[in-house]
Amino acid sequence: MIPLVVSPAIREKLLNKHKVQELEVRECFLNHEGKYLIDTREEHATDPPTLWFVGETHRGRRLKIIFVNRDGNLYLKSAYDADDAAIRIYTKLNRNGD
């Protein structure tokens, strides 16, 4: 079982704003290949760092998953349909080993 923590506010944002269900996020974690990337943008800086990846649901929907790994739990910050730029960046950085 993935130690995923989703607050009520995040759950509501996922459903109402992004039309993403928690089950889809869990599927992306299960189907994930590659490494997690650190969000280096200053406005998203956290301690521990904010991580993200592009994953696919069992139905092939590509989502950008954003989370923080703290104390053995994954705290979901957001999840939404991955745009072409996110897919390109994620693919490039995983291919190059950067």
C-alpha atoms as a PDB file:
ATOM      1  CA  MET A   1       0.000   0.000   0.000  1.00  0.00           C
ATOM      2  CA  ILE A   2       1.313   3.437  -0.909  1.00  0.00           C
ATOM      3  CA  PRO A   3       1.638   5.669   2.189  1.00  0.00           C
ATOM      4  CA  LEU A   4      -0.193   8.485   0.400  1.00  0.00           C
ATOM      5  CA  VAL A   5      -1.658  11.285   2.504  1.00  0.00           C
ATOM      6  CA  VAL A   6      -4.340  13.403   0.842  1.00  0.00           C
ATOM      7  CA  SER A   7      -5.835  16.201   2.891  1.00  0.00           C
ATOM      8  CA  PRO A   8      -9.547  17.013   2.502  1.00  0.00           C
ATOM      9  CA  ALA A   9      -8.646  20.349   0.846  1.00  0.00           C
ATOM     10  CA  ILE A  10      -6.374  18.660  -1.712  1.00  0.00           C
ATOM     11  CA  ARG A  11      -8.956  15.945  -2.369  1.00  0.00           C
ATOM     12  CA  GLU A  12     -11.566  18.632  -3.071  1.00  0.00           C
ATOM     13  CA  LYS A  13      -9.180  20.541  -5.369  1.00  0.00           C
ATOM     14  CA  LEU A  14      -8.368  17.368  -7.299  1.00  0.00           C
ATOM     15  CA  LEU A  15     -12.016  16.547  -7.885  1.00  0.00           C
ATOM     16  CA  ASN A  16     -13.441  20.015  -8.504  1.00  0.00           C
ATOM     17  CA  LYS A  17     -10.595  21.799 -10.284  1.00  0.00           C
ATOM     18  CA  HIS A  18      -8.633  19.028 -12.004  1.00  0.00           C
ATOM     19  CA  LYS A  19     -11.236  16.227 -12.297  1.00  0.00           C
ATOM     20  CA  VAL A  20      -8.735  13.746 -10.850  1.00  0.00           C
ATOM     21  CA  GLN A  21      -9.696  10.959  -8.472  1.00  0.00           C
ATOM     22  CA  GLU A  22      -7.411   9.752  -5.683  1.00  0.00           C
ATOM     23  CA  LEU A  23      -7.481   6.253  -7.199  1.00  0.00           C
ATOM     24  CA  GLU A  24      -5.949   7.668 -10.406  1.00  0.00           C
ATOM     25  CA  VAL A  25      -3.106   9.205  -8.385  1.00  0.00           C
ATOM     26  CA  ARG A  26      -2.441   5.879  -6.683  1.00  0.00           C
ATOM     27  CA  GLU A  27      -2.422   4.143 -10.080  1.00  0.00           C
ATOM     28  CA  CYS A  28       0.200   6.626 -11.318  1.00  0.00           C
ATOM     29  CA  PHE A  29       2.431   5.789  -8.352  1.00  0.00           C
ATOM     30  CA  LEU A  30       1.972   2.056  -9.000  1.00  0.00           C
ATOM     31  CA  ASN A  31       2.664   2.402 -12.732  1.00  0.00           C
ATOM     32  CA  HIS A  32       5.538   4.843 -12.285  1.00  0.00           C
ATOM     33  CA  GLU A  33       8.850   4.176 -13.999  1.00  0.00           C
ATOM     34  CA  GLY A  34      11.834   6.463 -13.724  1.00  0.00           C
ATOM     35  CA  LYS A  35      12.900   8.839 -11.019  1.00  0.00           C
ATOM     36  CA  TYR A  36      11.123  11.556  -9.133  1.00  0.00           C
ATOM     37  CA  LEU A  37      12.241  15.052 -10.048  1.00  0.00           C
ATOM     38  CA  ILE A  38      12.755  17.946  -7.638  1.00  0.00           C
ATOM     39  CA  ASP A  39      10.705  21.057  -8.326  1.00  0.00           C
ATOM     40  CA  THR A  40      13.475  23.674  -8.353  1.00  0.00           C
ATOM     41  CA  ARG A  41      11.213  26.670  -8.911  1.00  0.00           C
ATOM     42  CA  GLU A  42      11.693  29.112  -6.046  1.00  0.00           C
ATOM     43  CA  GLU A  43       7.975  29.652  -5.458  1.00  0.00           C
ATOM     44  CA  HIS A  44       7.556  25.880  -4.933  1.00  0.00           C
ATOM     45  CA  ALA A  45      10.548  25.388  -2.640  1.00  0.00           C
ATOM     46  CA  THR A  46       9.750  23.298   0.439  1.00  0.00           C
ATOM     47  CA  ASP A  47      11.689  21.432   3.099  1.00  0.00           C
ATOM     48  CA  PRO A  48      11.764  18.546   2.349  1.00  0.00           C
ATOM     49  CA  PRO A  49      11.746  19.328  -1.385  1.00  0.00           C
ATOM     50  CA  THR A  50       8.679  19.114  -3.572  1.00  0.00           C
ATOM     51  CA  LEU A  51       8.928  16.154  -5.954  1.00  0.00           C
ATOM     52  CA  TRP A  52       7.028  15.410  -9.145  1.00  0.00           C
ATOM     53  CA  PHE A  53       6.669  12.897 -11.936  1.00  0.00           C
ATOM     54  CA  VAL A  54       4.470  12.110 -14.905  1.00  0.00           C
ATOM     55  CA  GLY A  55       2.631   8.827 -14.566  1.00  0.00           C
ATOM     56  CA  GLU A  56      -0.151   6.943 -16.281  1.00  0.00           C
ATOM     57  CA  THR A  57      -3.378   5.620 -14.853  1.00  0.00           C
ATOM     58  CA  HIS A  58      -4.511   2.120 -15.731  1.00  0.00           C
ATOM     59  CA  ARG A  59      -6.619   3.709 -18.503  1.00  0.00           C
ATOM     60  CA  GLY A  60      -3.653   5.579 -19.996  1.00  0.00           C
ATOM     61  CA  ARG A  61      -4.402   9.058 -18.637  1.00  0.00           C
ATOM     62  CA  ARG A  62      -1.125  10.925 -18.080  1.00  0.00           C
ATOM     63  CA  LEU A  63      -1.023  12.947 -14.890  1.00  0.00           C
ATOM     64  CA  LYS A  64       1.594  15.203 -13.348  1.00  0.00           C
ATOM     65  CA  ILE A  65       1.826  14.186  -9.695  1.00  0.00           C
ATOM     66  CA  ILE A  66       3.303  16.649  -7.190  1.00  0.00           C
ATOM     67  CA  PHE A  67       4.117  15.565  -3.636  1.00  0.00           C
ATOM     68  CA  VAL A  68       6.429  15.816  -0.639  1.00  0.00           C
ATOM     69  CA  ASN A  69       8.091  12.764   0.927  1.00  0.00           C
ATOM     70  CA  ARG A  70       8.200  13.312   4.692  1.00  0.00           C
ATOM     71  CA  ASP A  71       8.536  10.830   7.554  1.00  0.00           C
ATOM     72  CA  GLY A  72       7.890   7.839   5.293  1.00  0.00           C
ATOM     73  CA  ASN A  73       4.648   9.292   3.906  1.00  0.00           C
ATOM     74  CA  LEU A  74       3.919  10.865   0.545  1.00  0.00           C
ATOM     75  CA  TYR A  75       1.934  14.077   1.022  1.00  0.00           C
ATOM     76  CA  LEU A  76       0.085  14.881  -2.165  1.00  0.00           C
ATOM     77  CA  LYS A  77       0.181  18.541  -3.166  1.00  0.00           C
ATOM     78  CA  SER A  78      -1.550  18.300  -6.546  1.00  0.00           C
ATOM     79  CA  ALA A  79      -2.270  16.134  -9.577  1.00  0.00           C
ATOM     80  CA  TYR A  80      -3.575  17.156 -12.979  1.00  0.00           C
ATOM     81  CA  ASP A  81      -3.382  16.279 -16.649  1.00  0.00           C
ATOM     82  CA  ALA A  82       0.238  16.469 -17.773  1.00  0.00           C
ATOM     83  CA  ASP A  83       0.787  18.981 -20.556  1.00  0.00           C
ATOM     84  CA  ASP A  84       3.257  18.448 -23.397  1.00  0.00           C
ATOM     85  CA  ALA A  85       5.949  20.530 -21.678  1.00  0.00           C
ATOM     86  CA  ALA A  86       5.823  18.462 -18.463  1.00  0.00           C
ATOM     87  CA  ILE A  87       5.935  15.212 -20.426  1.00  0.00           C
ATOM     88  CA  ARG A  88       8.872  16.449 -22.516  1.00  0.00           C
ATOM     89  CA  ILE A  89      10.852  17.648 -19.461  1.00  0.00           C
ATOM     90  CA  TYR A  90      10.162  14.486 -17.480  1.00  0.00           C
ATOM     91  CA  THR A  91      11.102  12.217 -20.411  1.00  0.00           C
ATOM     92  CA  LYS A  92      14.284  14.164 -21.180  1.00  0.00           C
ATOM     93  CA  LEU A  93      15.533  14.254 -17.585  1.00  0.00           C
ATOM     94  CA  ASN A  94      14.874  10.542 -17.086  1.00  0.00           C
ATOM     95  CA  ARG A  95      16.549   9.606 -20.345  1.00  0.00           C
ATOM     96  CA  ASN A  96      19.669  11.698 -19.682  1.00  0.00           C
ATOM     97  CA  GLY A  97      20.046  10.661 -16.071  1.00  0.00           C
ATOM     98  CA  ASP A  98      20.249  14.315 -14.950  1.00  0.00           C
END
